[in-house]
């Protein structure tokens, strides 16, 4: 996985107000931690980080006054409405070090005609070298028939990666699409409930009259 060289400013002001001011000038507040070091508060360029963070488990090579520091994006906090990045948690990593990360499961191929793929887990946890984290793991469902299951232990992991998730964890299952008659029409449910609701309301009016 490529490393991204990013300029990082040391932060000395904290709190919501300080974070808001940073974002107004195109910066994102972040915290660097790990390897027994004290948490380091930094500010990163928002536009650059937004582009880098599109890829899961991205590595940043922070360029700071005291030198460079290789970190892994561990957690991203976003605004629930605008989805802009509000804060980052960054963990220090070393080249050659093993880290545990979640990677996406990419499904390819088409199952047996008339069936569908039901995804139970869209990602798995693996251990990999910090500078060689795979983006995803691919699994083929080509021609699989109803009832076929694929578990985490069935996946062929990229070289250098080992499975951390439980091998028996169900990743996907091939099944038939739900039948129309199995889905209760909403209109029928509302109509069925209407008489009872009406009776209840009538009873309430009588009671109030007393």
N, C-alpha and C. Protein backbone atom coordinates (compact mmCIF):
# COMPACT_ATOMS: atom_id res chain seq x y z
N UNK A 1 0.85 -1.20 0.00
CA UNK A 1 0.00 0.00 0.00
C UNK A 1 0.88 1.24 0.00
N UNK A 2 0.55 2.18 -0.85
CA UNK A 2 1.35 3.40 -0.98
C UNK A 2 1.24 4.27 0.26
N UNK A 3 2.35 4.94 0.58
CA UNK A 3 2.36 5.90 1.67
C UNK A 3 2.09 7.30 1.09
N UNK A 4 1.38 8.09 1.83
CA UNK A 4 1.01 9.43 1.37
C UNK A 4 1.69 10.47 2.25
N UNK A 5 2.59 11.26 1.64
CA UNK A 5 3.30 12.29 2.39
C UNK A 5 2.36 13.47 2.63
N UNK A 6 2.15 13.81 3.90
CA UNK A 6 1.21 14.86 4.28
C UNK A 6 1.86 15.79 5.29
N UNK A 7 1.72 17.09 5.08
CA UNK A 7 2.21 18.07 6.05
C UNK A 7 1.28 18.09 7.26
N UNK A 8 1.87 18.04 8.45
CA UNK A 8 1.08 18.05 9.69
C UNK A 8 1.54 19.18 10.59
N UNK A 9 0.59 19.97 11.06
CA UNK A 9 0.88 21.05 12.01
C UNK A 9 0.57 20.56 13.42
N UNK A 10 1.41 20.91 14.37
CA UNK A 10 1.16 20.56 15.77
C UNK A 10 0.08 21.46 16.33
N UNK A 11 -0.92 20.87 16.99
CA UNK A 11 -2.01 21.64 17.58
C UNK A 11 -1.72 21.93 19.05
N UNK A 12 -2.04 23.16 19.46
CA UNK A 12 -1.89 23.54 20.86
C UNK A 12 -3.22 24.00 21.46
N UNK A 13 -4.23 24.17 20.60
CA UNK A 13 -5.57 24.56 21.08
C UNK A 13 -6.51 23.39 20.88
N UNK A 14 -7.39 23.15 21.86
CA UNK A 14 -8.27 21.98 21.81
C UNK A 14 -9.71 22.39 22.08
N UNK A 15 -10.61 21.43 21.97
CA UNK A 15 -12.01 21.70 22.21
C UNK A 15 -12.77 21.92 20.92
N UNK A 16 -14.10 21.97 21.03
CA UNK A 16 -14.96 22.11 19.86
C UNK A 16 -14.73 23.42 19.12
N UNK A 17 -14.53 24.49 19.88
CA UNK A 17 -14.31 25.79 19.25
C UNK A 17 -13.05 25.81 18.42
N UNK A 18 -11.96 25.25 18.96
CA UNK A 18 -10.69 25.22 18.24
C UNK A 18 -10.80 24.34 17.00
N UNK A 19 -11.51 23.21 17.14
CA UNK A 19 -11.69 22.30 16.00
C UNK A 19 -12.50 22.97 14.90
N UNK A 20 -13.50 23.75 15.30
CA UNK A 20 -14.32 24.45 14.32
C UNK A 20 -13.50 25.47 13.54
N UNK A 21 -12.63 26.18 14.24
CA UNK A 21 -11.78 27.16 13.58
C UNK A 21 -10.83 26.50 12.60
N UNK A 22 -10.31 25.33 12.97
CA UNK A 22 -9.42 24.60 12.07
C UNK A 22 -10.14 24.23 10.77
N UNK A 23 -11.35 23.70 10.93
CA UNK A 23 -12.10 23.28 9.74
C UNK A 23 -12.45 24.47 8.84
N UNK A 24 -12.62 25.63 9.45
CA UNK A 24 -12.93 26.83 8.67
C UNK A 24 -11.77 27.25 7.78
N UNK A 25 -10.55 26.88 8.17
CA UNK A 25 -9.38 27.23 7.36
C UNK A 25 -8.85 26.02 6.58
N UNK A 26 -9.72 25.00 6.41
CA UNK A 26 -9.35 23.87 5.57
C UNK A 26 -8.45 22.84 6.24
N UNK A 27 -8.54 22.71 7.55
CA UNK A 27 -7.73 21.74 8.28
C UNK A 27 -8.63 20.74 9.02
N UNK A 28 -8.09 19.57 9.29
CA UNK A 28 -8.81 18.54 10.05
C UNK A 28 -8.01 18.22 11.31
N UNK A 29 -8.62 18.28 12.49
CA UNK A 29 -7.92 17.88 13.71
C UNK A 29 -7.74 16.36 13.76
N UNK A 30 -6.61 15.93 14.30
CA UNK A 30 -6.34 14.50 14.40
C UNK A 30 -5.47 14.24 15.62
N UNK A 31 -5.48 12.99 16.09
CA UNK A 31 -4.65 12.57 17.21
C UNK A 31 -3.80 11.39 16.77
N UNK A 32 -2.50 11.46 17.05
CA UNK A 32 -1.56 10.38 16.74
C UNK A 32 -1.21 9.67 18.04
N UNK A 33 -1.31 8.35 18.06
CA UNK A 33 -0.99 7.61 19.28
C UNK A 33 -0.40 6.25 18.92
N UNK A 34 0.08 5.54 19.93
CA UNK A 34 0.61 4.19 19.71
C UNK A 34 2.07 4.06 20.09
N UNK A 35 2.50 2.81 20.26
CA UNK A 35 3.89 2.48 20.61
C UNK A 35 4.32 3.15 21.91
N UNK A 36 3.38 3.31 22.82
CA UNK A 36 3.70 3.84 24.14
C UNK A 36 3.99 5.32 24.19
N UNK A 37 3.83 6.02 23.08
CA UNK A 37 4.10 7.45 23.06
C UNK A 37 2.89 8.25 23.53
N UNK A 38 3.12 9.46 23.99
CA UNK A 38 2.02 10.33 24.41
C UNK A 38 1.23 10.75 23.19
N UNK A 39 -0.10 10.87 23.30
CA UNK A 39 -0.91 11.32 22.16
C UNK A 39 -0.41 12.66 21.63
N UNK A 40 -0.31 12.74 20.32
CA UNK A 40 0.15 13.97 19.66
C UNK A 40 -1.00 14.55 18.86
N UNK A 41 -1.34 15.80 19.11
CA UNK A 41 -2.46 16.45 18.43
C UNK A 41 -1.94 17.24 17.23
N UNK A 42 -2.49 16.93 16.06
CA UNK A 42 -2.03 17.57 14.83
C UNK A 42 -3.22 18.09 14.02
N UNK A 43 -2.90 18.92 13.02
CA UNK A 43 -3.90 19.42 12.08
C UNK A 43 -3.42 19.05 10.68
N UNK A 44 -4.32 18.50 9.86
CA UNK A 44 -3.98 18.00 8.53
C UNK A 44 -4.79 18.72 7.46
N UNK A 45 -4.27 18.82 6.24
CA UNK A 45 -5.01 19.49 5.15
C UNK A 45 -6.26 18.71 4.78
N UNK A 46 -7.42 19.36 4.88
CA UNK A 46 -8.71 18.68 4.71
C UNK A 46 -8.89 18.08 3.32
N UNK A 47 -8.63 18.86 2.27
CA UNK A 47 -8.88 18.37 0.92
C UNK A 47 -8.03 17.14 0.61
N UNK A 48 -6.76 17.21 0.96
CA UNK A 48 -5.84 16.11 0.69
C UNK A 48 -6.25 14.86 1.46
N UNK A 49 -6.59 15.03 2.72
CA UNK A 49 -6.98 13.89 3.55
C UNK A 49 -8.28 13.27 3.06
N UNK A 50 -9.22 14.10 2.62
CA UNK A 50 -10.50 13.58 2.12
C UNK A 50 -10.28 12.66 0.93
N UNK A 51 -9.36 13.02 0.05
CA UNK A 51 -9.06 12.19 -1.12
C UNK A 51 -8.37 10.89 -0.70
N UNK A 52 -7.42 10.99 0.22
CA UNK A 52 -6.67 9.81 0.66
C UNK A 52 -7.58 8.83 1.39
N UNK A 53 -8.48 9.37 2.23
CA UNK A 53 -9.34 8.54 3.08
C UNK A 53 -10.40 7.78 2.30
N UNK A 54 -10.51 8.01 1.00
CA UNK A 54 -11.45 7.23 0.20
C UNK A 54 -11.04 5.76 0.15
N UNK A 55 -9.76 5.51 0.35
CA UNK A 55 -9.26 4.13 0.40
C UNK A 55 -9.15 3.71 1.86
N UNK A 56 -9.70 2.55 2.16
CA UNK A 56 -9.66 2.05 3.53
C UNK A 56 -8.23 1.75 3.95
N UNK A 57 -7.96 1.91 5.25
CA UNK A 57 -6.66 1.58 5.83
C UNK A 57 -5.50 2.30 5.16
N UNK A 58 -5.70 3.59 4.86
CA UNK A 58 -4.64 4.35 4.19
C UNK A 58 -3.51 4.68 5.16
N UNK A 59 -2.29 4.69 4.61
CA UNK A 59 -1.11 5.07 5.37
C UNK A 59 -0.75 6.52 5.08
N UNK A 60 -0.36 7.25 6.14
CA UNK A 60 0.09 8.62 5.99
C UNK A 60 1.52 8.73 6.50
N UNK A 61 2.36 9.41 5.75
CA UNK A 61 3.71 9.71 6.21
C UNK A 61 3.70 11.18 6.62
N UNK A 62 3.48 11.42 7.90
CA UNK A 62 3.32 12.79 8.38
C UNK A 62 4.66 13.52 8.40
N UNK A 63 4.67 14.69 7.79
CA UNK A 63 5.86 15.54 7.77
C UNK A 63 5.66 16.62 8.82
N UNK A 64 6.42 16.50 9.92
CA UNK A 64 6.27 17.42 11.05
C UNK A 64 7.60 18.10 11.35
N UNK A 65 7.57 19.14 12.19
CA UNK A 65 8.81 19.85 12.53
C UNK A 65 9.90 18.92 13.07
N UNK A 66 9.50 17.90 13.82
CA UNK A 66 10.48 17.00 14.42
C UNK A 66 10.89 15.84 13.53
N UNK A 67 10.37 15.78 12.31
CA UNK A 67 10.69 14.69 11.40
C UNK A 67 9.43 14.03 10.87
N UNK A 68 9.58 12.86 10.26
CA UNK A 68 8.44 12.16 9.68
C UNK A 68 7.95 11.06 10.61
N UNK A 69 6.66 10.75 10.48
CA UNK A 69 6.05 9.68 11.28
C UNK A 69 5.05 8.92 10.43
N UNK A 70 5.24 7.62 10.31
CA UNK A 70 4.32 6.79 9.53
C UNK A 70 3.15 6.38 10.41
N UNK A 71 1.92 6.64 9.91
CA UNK A 71 0.72 6.33 10.69
C UNK A 71 -0.33 5.67 9.80
N UNK A 72 -1.22 4.97 10.44
CA UNK A 72 -2.35 4.32 9.77
C UNK A 72 -3.64 5.00 10.22
N UNK A 73 -4.51 5.32 9.25
CA UNK A 73 -5.81 5.90 9.62
C UNK A 73 -6.63 4.80 10.29
N UNK A 74 -6.89 4.98 11.58
CA UNK A 74 -7.57 3.95 12.35
C UNK A 74 -9.06 4.22 12.49
N UNK A 75 -9.42 5.51 12.63
CA UNK A 75 -10.84 5.84 12.81
C UNK A 75 -11.12 7.21 12.20
N UNK A 76 -12.25 7.30 11.52
CA UNK A 76 -12.67 8.55 10.89
C UNK A 76 -14.02 8.96 11.45
N UNK A 77 -14.10 10.17 11.97
CA UNK A 77 -15.37 10.71 12.47
C UNK A 77 -15.89 11.71 11.45
N UNK A 78 -17.12 11.50 10.99
CA UNK A 78 -17.71 12.35 9.96
C UNK A 78 -18.95 13.06 10.49
N UNK A 79 -19.24 14.19 9.89
CA UNK A 79 -20.49 14.89 10.17
C UNK A 79 -21.63 14.01 9.66
N UNK A 80 -22.62 13.68 10.50
CA UNK A 80 -23.68 12.76 10.09
C UNK A 80 -24.53 13.25 8.92
N UNK A 81 -24.58 14.55 8.72
CA UNK A 81 -25.40 15.11 7.63
C UNK A 81 -24.56 15.38 6.40
N UNK A 82 -23.51 16.18 6.56
CA UNK A 82 -22.69 16.58 5.40
C UNK A 82 -21.64 15.55 5.04
N UNK A 83 -21.36 14.61 5.94
CA UNK A 83 -20.40 13.54 5.71
C UNK A 83 -18.97 14.03 5.51
N UNK A 84 -18.67 15.26 5.93
CA UNK A 84 -17.30 15.73 5.86
C UNK A 84 -16.53 15.17 7.06
N UNK A 85 -15.22 15.01 6.89
CA UNK A 85 -14.40 14.46 7.97
C UNK A 85 -14.22 15.52 9.05
N UNK A 86 -14.53 15.15 10.29
CA UNK A 86 -14.41 16.09 11.40
C UNK A 86 -13.20 15.80 12.27
N UNK A 87 -12.78 14.53 12.31
CA UNK A 87 -11.66 14.17 13.19
C UNK A 87 -11.09 12.83 12.76
N UNK A 88 -9.79 12.64 13.00
CA UNK A 88 -9.12 11.38 12.66
C UNK A 88 -8.37 10.84 13.87
N UNK A 89 -8.38 9.53 14.02
CA UNK A 89 -7.49 8.84 14.95
C UNK A 89 -6.44 8.14 14.11
N UNK A 90 -5.17 8.41 14.41
CA UNK A 90 -4.06 7.85 13.64
C UNK A 90 -3.18 7.02 14.57
N UNK A 91 -2.82 5.82 14.16
CA UNK A 91 -1.98 4.97 15.00
C UNK A 91 -0.61 4.82 14.35
N UNK A 92 0.42 4.96 15.17
CA UNK A 92 1.80 4.87 14.69
C UNK A 92 2.11 3.44 14.27
N UNK A 93 2.74 3.27 13.11
CA UNK A 93 3.14 1.95 12.64
C UNK A 93 4.60 2.02 12.21
N UNK A 94 5.23 0.86 12.17
CA UNK A 94 6.61 0.74 11.71
C UNK A 94 6.64 -0.20 10.50
N UNK A 95 7.57 0.05 9.61
CA UNK A 95 7.72 -0.82 8.45
C UNK A 95 8.10 -2.22 8.94
N UNK A 96 7.41 -3.22 8.39
CA UNK A 96 7.63 -4.60 8.80
C UNK A 96 6.75 -5.03 9.95
N UNK A 97 6.09 -4.09 10.60
CA UNK A 97 5.19 -4.39 11.72
C UNK A 97 3.87 -4.97 11.21
N UNK A 98 3.31 -5.91 11.96
CA UNK A 98 2.01 -6.48 11.62
C UNK A 98 0.90 -5.69 12.31
N UNK A 99 -0.18 -5.43 11.57
CA UNK A 99 -1.33 -4.73 12.14
C UNK A 99 -2.59 -5.51 11.81
N UNK A 100 -3.62 -5.33 12.63
CA UNK A 100 -4.91 -5.96 12.38
C UNK A 100 -5.86 -4.92 11.82
N UNK A 101 -6.44 -5.21 10.66
CA UNK A 101 -7.34 -4.27 9.99
C UNK A 101 -8.54 -5.03 9.43
N UNK A 102 -9.58 -4.28 9.09
CA UNK A 102 -10.74 -4.85 8.40
C UNK A 102 -10.61 -4.55 6.91
N UNK A 103 -10.80 -5.55 6.08
CA UNK A 103 -10.76 -5.35 4.63
C UNK A 103 -12.09 -5.82 4.02
N UNK A 104 -12.47 -5.19 2.93
CA UNK A 104 -13.75 -5.49 2.29
C UNK A 104 -13.71 -6.83 1.57
N UNK A 105 -14.88 -7.47 1.51
CA UNK A 105 -15.05 -8.70 0.73
C UNK A 105 -15.69 -8.31 -0.60
N UNK A 106 -14.98 -8.56 -1.69
CA UNK A 106 -15.48 -8.22 -3.02
C UNK A 106 -16.03 -9.48 -3.68
N UNK A 107 -17.30 -9.45 -4.05
CA UNK A 107 -17.96 -10.61 -4.66
C UNK A 107 -17.96 -10.45 -6.18
N UNK A 108 -17.56 -11.51 -6.88
CA UNK A 108 -17.59 -11.48 -8.33
C UNK A 108 -18.27 -12.73 -8.85
N UNK A 109 -18.79 -12.64 -10.10
CA UNK A 109 -19.46 -13.77 -10.71
C UNK A 109 -20.96 -13.76 -10.45
N UNK A 110 -21.68 -14.69 -11.09
CA UNK A 110 -23.12 -14.82 -10.95
C UNK A 110 -23.46 -16.21 -10.44
N UNK A 111 -24.32 -16.30 -9.40
CA UNK A 111 -24.72 -17.63 -8.92
C UNK A 111 -25.67 -18.30 -9.90
N UNK A 112 -26.11 -19.49 -9.58
CA UNK A 112 -27.01 -20.26 -10.43
C UNK A 112 -28.26 -19.43 -10.75
N UNK A 113 -28.73 -19.48 -12.02
CA UNK A 113 -29.91 -18.68 -12.40
C UNK A 113 -31.09 -18.89 -11.45
N UNK A 114 -31.72 -17.77 -11.08
CA UNK A 114 -32.87 -17.83 -10.19
C UNK A 114 -32.52 -17.69 -8.73
N UNK A 115 -31.22 -17.62 -8.42
CA UNK A 115 -30.81 -17.45 -7.02
C UNK A 115 -30.19 -16.06 -6.84
N UNK A 116 -29.92 -15.73 -5.59
CA UNK A 116 -29.31 -14.43 -5.28
C UNK A 116 -28.28 -14.60 -4.17
N UNK A 117 -27.40 -13.61 -4.06
CA UNK A 117 -26.37 -13.62 -3.03
C UNK A 117 -26.84 -12.81 -1.83
N UNK A 118 -26.85 -13.43 -0.66
CA UNK A 118 -27.18 -12.73 0.58
C UNK A 118 -25.88 -12.51 1.36
N UNK A 119 -25.44 -11.24 1.45
CA UNK A 119 -24.21 -10.93 2.17
C UNK A 119 -24.49 -10.85 3.67
N UNK A 120 -23.75 -11.63 4.45
CA UNK A 120 -23.89 -11.61 5.90
C UNK A 120 -22.82 -10.72 6.55
N UNK A 121 -21.62 -10.75 6.00
CA UNK A 121 -20.53 -9.89 6.47
C UNK A 121 -19.79 -9.35 5.25
N UNK A 122 -19.73 -8.02 5.14
CA UNK A 122 -19.11 -7.40 3.97
C UNK A 122 -17.62 -7.14 4.16
N UNK A 123 -17.09 -7.48 5.34
CA UNK A 123 -15.66 -7.31 5.58
C UNK A 123 -15.18 -8.38 6.55
N UNK A 124 -13.88 -8.60 6.57
CA UNK A 124 -13.26 -9.54 7.49
C UNK A 124 -12.04 -8.87 8.12
N UNK A 125 -11.63 -9.39 9.27
CA UNK A 125 -10.44 -8.87 9.93
C UNK A 125 -9.24 -9.75 9.58
N UNK A 126 -8.14 -9.11 9.20
CA UNK A 126 -6.92 -9.84 8.86
C UNK A 126 -5.73 -9.17 9.53
N UNK A 127 -4.65 -9.91 9.62
CA UNK A 127 -3.39 -9.35 10.07
C UNK A 127 -2.47 -9.28 8.87
N UNK A 128 -1.85 -8.11 8.67
CA UNK A 128 -0.97 -7.92 7.52
C UNK A 128 0.13 -6.95 7.89
N UNK A 129 1.18 -6.93 7.07
CA UNK A 129 2.26 -5.98 7.30
C UNK A 129 1.73 -4.57 7.07
N UNK A 130 2.11 -3.65 7.93
CA UNK A 130 1.57 -2.30 7.89
C UNK A 130 1.72 -1.63 6.53
N UNK A 131 2.81 -1.90 5.83
CA UNK A 131 3.03 -1.26 4.54
C UNK A 131 2.56 -2.11 3.36
N UNK A 132 1.90 -3.22 3.65
CA UNK A 132 1.37 -4.08 2.59
C UNK A 132 -0.03 -4.57 2.95
N UNK A 133 -0.88 -3.62 3.32
CA UNK A 133 -2.26 -3.97 3.69
C UNK A 133 -3.08 -4.15 2.42
N UNK A 134 -3.72 -5.30 2.24
CA UNK A 134 -4.56 -5.49 1.04
C UNK A 134 -5.81 -4.63 1.10
N UNK A 135 -6.28 -4.19 -0.06
CA UNK A 135 -7.49 -3.36 -0.10
C UNK A 135 -8.74 -4.20 0.11
N UNK A 136 -8.73 -5.45 -0.39
CA UNK A 136 -9.92 -6.29 -0.30
C UNK A 136 -9.54 -7.74 -0.54
N UNK A 137 -10.49 -8.62 -0.35
CA UNK A 137 -10.35 -10.02 -0.69
C UNK A 137 -11.51 -10.37 -1.63
N UNK A 138 -11.22 -11.11 -2.69
CA UNK A 138 -12.23 -11.41 -3.71
C UNK A 138 -12.71 -12.86 -3.58
N UNK A 139 -14.01 -13.04 -3.71
CA UNK A 139 -14.59 -14.37 -3.68
C UNK A 139 -15.54 -14.53 -4.87
N UNK A 140 -15.45 -15.67 -5.54
CA UNK A 140 -16.30 -15.92 -6.70
C UNK A 140 -17.53 -16.75 -6.30
N UNK A 141 -18.70 -16.32 -6.79
CA UNK A 141 -19.94 -17.08 -6.55
C UNK A 141 -20.45 -17.68 -7.86
N UNK A 142 -19.61 -17.70 -8.87
CA UNK A 142 -20.01 -18.16 -10.19
C UNK A 142 -20.59 -19.57 -10.13
N UNK A 143 -21.87 -19.69 -10.54
CA UNK A 143 -22.53 -20.98 -10.64
C UNK A 143 -22.94 -21.63 -9.33
N UNK A 144 -22.74 -20.97 -8.20
CA UNK A 144 -23.11 -21.57 -6.92
C UNK A 144 -24.63 -21.71 -6.82
N UNK A 145 -25.08 -22.84 -6.28
CA UNK A 145 -26.51 -23.12 -6.20
C UNK A 145 -27.08 -22.76 -4.83
N UNK A 146 -28.42 -22.79 -4.76
CA UNK A 146 -29.12 -22.45 -3.52
C UNK A 146 -28.58 -23.26 -2.34
N UNK A 147 -28.36 -22.57 -1.24
CA UNK A 147 -27.87 -23.23 -0.03
C UNK A 147 -26.36 -23.19 0.13
N UNK A 148 -25.65 -22.84 -0.93
CA UNK A 148 -24.19 -22.77 -0.83
C UNK A 148 -23.79 -21.66 0.12
N UNK A 149 -22.79 -21.92 0.95
CA UNK A 149 -22.33 -20.93 1.92
C UNK A 149 -20.82 -20.73 1.79
N UNK A 150 -20.40 -19.54 2.05
CA UNK A 150 -18.97 -19.24 2.09
C UNK A 150 -18.66 -18.60 3.43
N UNK A 151 -17.71 -19.21 4.14
CA UNK A 151 -17.31 -18.72 5.45
C UNK A 151 -15.95 -18.03 5.34
N UNK A 152 -15.59 -17.31 6.38
CA UNK A 152 -14.33 -16.57 6.36
C UNK A 152 -13.14 -17.49 6.09
N UNK A 153 -13.20 -18.69 6.64
CA UNK A 153 -12.11 -19.64 6.45
C UNK A 153 -12.00 -20.16 5.03
N UNK A 154 -13.04 -19.96 4.21
CA UNK A 154 -13.01 -20.42 2.82
C UNK A 154 -12.33 -19.42 1.89
N UNK A 155 -12.14 -18.19 2.36
CA UNK A 155 -11.60 -17.14 1.50
C UNK A 155 -10.10 -17.34 1.27
N UNK A 156 -9.67 -17.06 0.06
CA UNK A 156 -8.25 -17.11 -0.27
C UNK A 156 -7.69 -15.70 -0.06
N UNK A 157 -6.91 -15.54 0.99
CA UNK A 157 -6.41 -14.22 1.37
C UNK A 157 -5.23 -13.81 0.51
N UNK A 158 -5.05 -12.50 0.33
CA UNK A 158 -3.87 -12.01 -0.38
C UNK A 158 -2.60 -12.45 0.33
N UNK A 159 -1.53 -12.59 -0.41
CA UNK A 159 -0.27 -13.03 0.17
C UNK A 159 0.19 -12.15 1.31
N UNK A 160 0.70 -12.78 2.37
CA UNK A 160 1.19 -12.03 3.52
C UNK A 160 0.14 -11.71 4.55
N UNK A 161 -1.11 -12.10 4.29
CA UNK A 161 -2.20 -11.82 5.23
C UNK A 161 -2.64 -13.10 5.92
N UNK A 162 -3.04 -12.98 7.17
CA UNK A 162 -3.60 -14.11 7.91
C UNK A 162 -4.94 -13.71 8.48
N UNK A 163 -5.84 -14.66 8.57
CA UNK A 163 -7.20 -14.41 9.02
C UNK A 163 -7.26 -14.19 10.54
N UNK A 164 -7.96 -13.13 10.95
CA UNK A 164 -8.19 -12.86 12.36
C UNK A 164 -9.65 -13.18 12.72
N UNK A 165 -10.57 -12.90 11.81
CA UNK A 165 -11.97 -13.25 12.03
C UNK A 165 -12.11 -14.75 12.24
N UNK A 166 -13.15 -15.16 12.94
CA UNK A 166 -13.39 -16.58 13.16
C UNK A 166 -13.59 -17.29 11.83
N UNK A 167 -12.91 -18.41 11.58
CA UNK A 167 -13.03 -19.12 10.30
C UNK A 167 -14.47 -19.51 9.99
N UNK A 168 -15.27 -19.77 11.03
CA UNK A 168 -16.65 -20.21 10.81
C UNK A 168 -17.61 -19.05 10.56
N UNK A 169 -17.13 -17.81 10.61
CA UNK A 169 -18.00 -16.66 10.37
C UNK A 169 -18.59 -16.71 8.96
N UNK A 170 -19.93 -16.65 8.88
CA UNK A 170 -20.61 -16.73 7.59
C UNK A 170 -20.46 -15.41 6.84
N UNK A 171 -19.90 -15.49 5.65
CA UNK A 171 -19.69 -14.29 4.81
C UNK A 171 -20.88 -14.09 3.88
N UNK A 172 -21.30 -15.16 3.21
CA UNK A 172 -22.44 -15.04 2.31
C UNK A 172 -23.11 -16.39 2.13
N UNK A 173 -24.36 -16.34 1.65
CA UNK A 173 -25.12 -17.55 1.38
C UNK A 173 -25.91 -17.34 0.09
N UNK A 174 -26.05 -18.40 -0.69
CA UNK A 174 -26.83 -18.33 -1.92
C UNK A 174 -28.24 -18.80 -1.61
N UNK A 175 -29.23 -17.99 -1.95
CA UNK A 175 -30.61 -18.34 -1.64
C UNK A 175 -31.55 -17.88 -2.75
N UNK A 176 -32.81 -18.37 -2.66
CA UNK A 176 -33.83 -17.94 -3.61
C UNK A 176 -34.37 -16.58 -3.21
N UNK A 177 -34.75 -15.75 -4.15
CA UNK A 177 -35.35 -14.45 -3.82
C UNK A 177 -36.65 -14.68 -3.04
N UNK A 178 -37.03 -13.79 -2.14
CA UNK A 178 -38.28 -13.95 -1.39
C UNK A 178 -39.48 -13.89 -2.33
N UNK A 179 -40.49 -14.74 -2.06
CA UNK A 179 -41.69 -14.75 -2.88
C UNK A 179 -42.57 -13.55 -2.52
N UNK A 180 -43.32 -13.09 -3.50
CA UNK A 180 -44.17 -11.91 -3.30
C UNK A 180 -45.20 -12.17 -2.21
N UNK A 181 -45.77 -13.39 -2.19
CA UNK A 181 -46.82 -13.68 -1.22
C UNK A 181 -46.28 -13.78 0.20
N UNK A 182 -44.93 -13.92 0.34
CA UNK A 182 -44.35 -13.98 1.68
C UNK A 182 -44.25 -12.61 2.33
N UNK A 183 -44.40 -11.57 1.52
CA UNK A 183 -44.32 -10.21 2.03
C UNK A 183 -45.73 -9.67 2.23
N UNK A 184 -46.14 -9.42 3.47
CA UNK A 184 -47.50 -8.95 3.76
C UNK A 184 -47.68 -7.54 3.21
N UNK A 185 -48.71 -7.32 2.37
CA UNK A 185 -48.96 -5.98 1.84
C UNK A 185 -49.23 -4.98 2.96
N UNK A 186 -48.62 -3.83 2.88
CA UNK A 186 -48.78 -2.81 3.92
C UNK A 186 -50.22 -2.35 4.02
N UNK A 187 -50.88 -2.19 2.86
CA UNK A 187 -52.26 -1.70 2.84
C UNK A 187 -53.18 -2.65 3.59
N UNK A 188 -53.00 -3.98 3.37
CA UNK A 188 -53.83 -4.96 4.05
C UNK A 188 -53.64 -4.88 5.55
N UNK A 189 -52.40 -4.69 5.98
CA UNK A 189 -52.11 -4.62 7.40
C UNK A 189 -52.79 -3.42 8.04
N UNK A 190 -52.78 -2.30 7.33
CA UNK A 190 -53.41 -1.08 7.85
C UNK A 190 -54.91 -1.25 7.94
N UNK A 191 -55.51 -1.86 6.88
CA UNK A 191 -56.96 -2.06 6.88
C UNK A 191 -57.39 -3.01 7.98
N UNK A 192 -56.56 -4.05 8.21
CA UNK A 192 -56.91 -5.03 9.24
C UNK A 192 -56.88 -4.39 10.62
N UNK A 193 -55.99 -3.43 10.80
CA UNK A 193 -55.87 -2.79 12.11
C UNK A 193 -56.91 -1.70 12.32
N UNK A 194 -57.50 -1.20 11.23
CA UNK A 194 -58.40 -0.06 11.32
C UNK A 194 -59.63 -0.32 12.20
N UNK A 195 -60.36 -1.47 12.02
CA UNK A 195 -61.55 -1.68 12.85
C UNK A 195 -61.23 -1.67 14.34
N UNK A 196 -60.13 -2.32 14.71
CA UNK A 196 -59.77 -2.38 16.13
C UNK A 196 -59.48 -0.99 16.65
N UNK A 197 -58.78 -0.20 15.82
CA UNK A 197 -58.47 1.16 16.25
C UNK A 197 -59.75 1.97 16.42
N UNK A 198 -60.70 1.74 15.47
CA UNK A 198 -61.96 2.48 15.52
C UNK A 198 -62.74 2.14 16.78
N UNK A 199 -62.75 0.84 17.13
CA UNK A 199 -63.47 0.41 18.33
C UNK A 199 -62.85 1.03 19.56
N UNK A 200 -61.51 1.03 19.55
CA UNK A 200 -60.82 1.58 20.71
C UNK A 200 -61.16 3.05 20.88
N UNK A 201 -61.19 3.78 19.75
CA UNK A 201 -61.50 5.20 19.83
C UNK A 201 -62.94 5.42 20.30
N UNK A 202 -63.87 4.53 19.81
CA UNK A 202 -65.26 4.66 20.21
C UNK A 202 -65.42 4.47 21.71
N UNK A 203 -64.72 3.41 22.21
CA UNK A 203 -64.80 3.13 23.63
C UNK A 203 -64.26 4.28 24.45
N UNK A 204 -63.21 4.91 23.92
CA UNK A 204 -62.62 6.03 24.64
C UNK A 204 -63.58 7.19 24.73
N UNK A 205 -64.37 7.45 23.65
CA UNK A 205 -65.32 8.55 23.66
C UNK A 205 -66.43 8.30 24.68
N UNK A 206 -66.90 7.01 24.75
CA UNK A 206 -67.96 6.68 25.72
C UNK A 206 -67.46 6.90 27.14
N UNK A 207 -66.23 6.44 27.35
CA UNK A 207 -65.71 6.58 28.70
C UNK A 207 -65.58 8.04 29.09
N UNK A 208 -65.20 8.85 28.08
CA UNK A 208 -65.05 10.26 28.38
C UNK A 208 -66.41 10.87 28.68
N UNK A 209 -67.50 10.35 28.01
CA UNK A 209 -68.82 10.92 28.23
C UNK A 209 -69.33 10.68 29.62
N UNK A 210 -68.89 9.55 30.20
CA UNK A 210 -69.33 9.28 31.57
C UNK A 210 -68.72 10.29 32.53
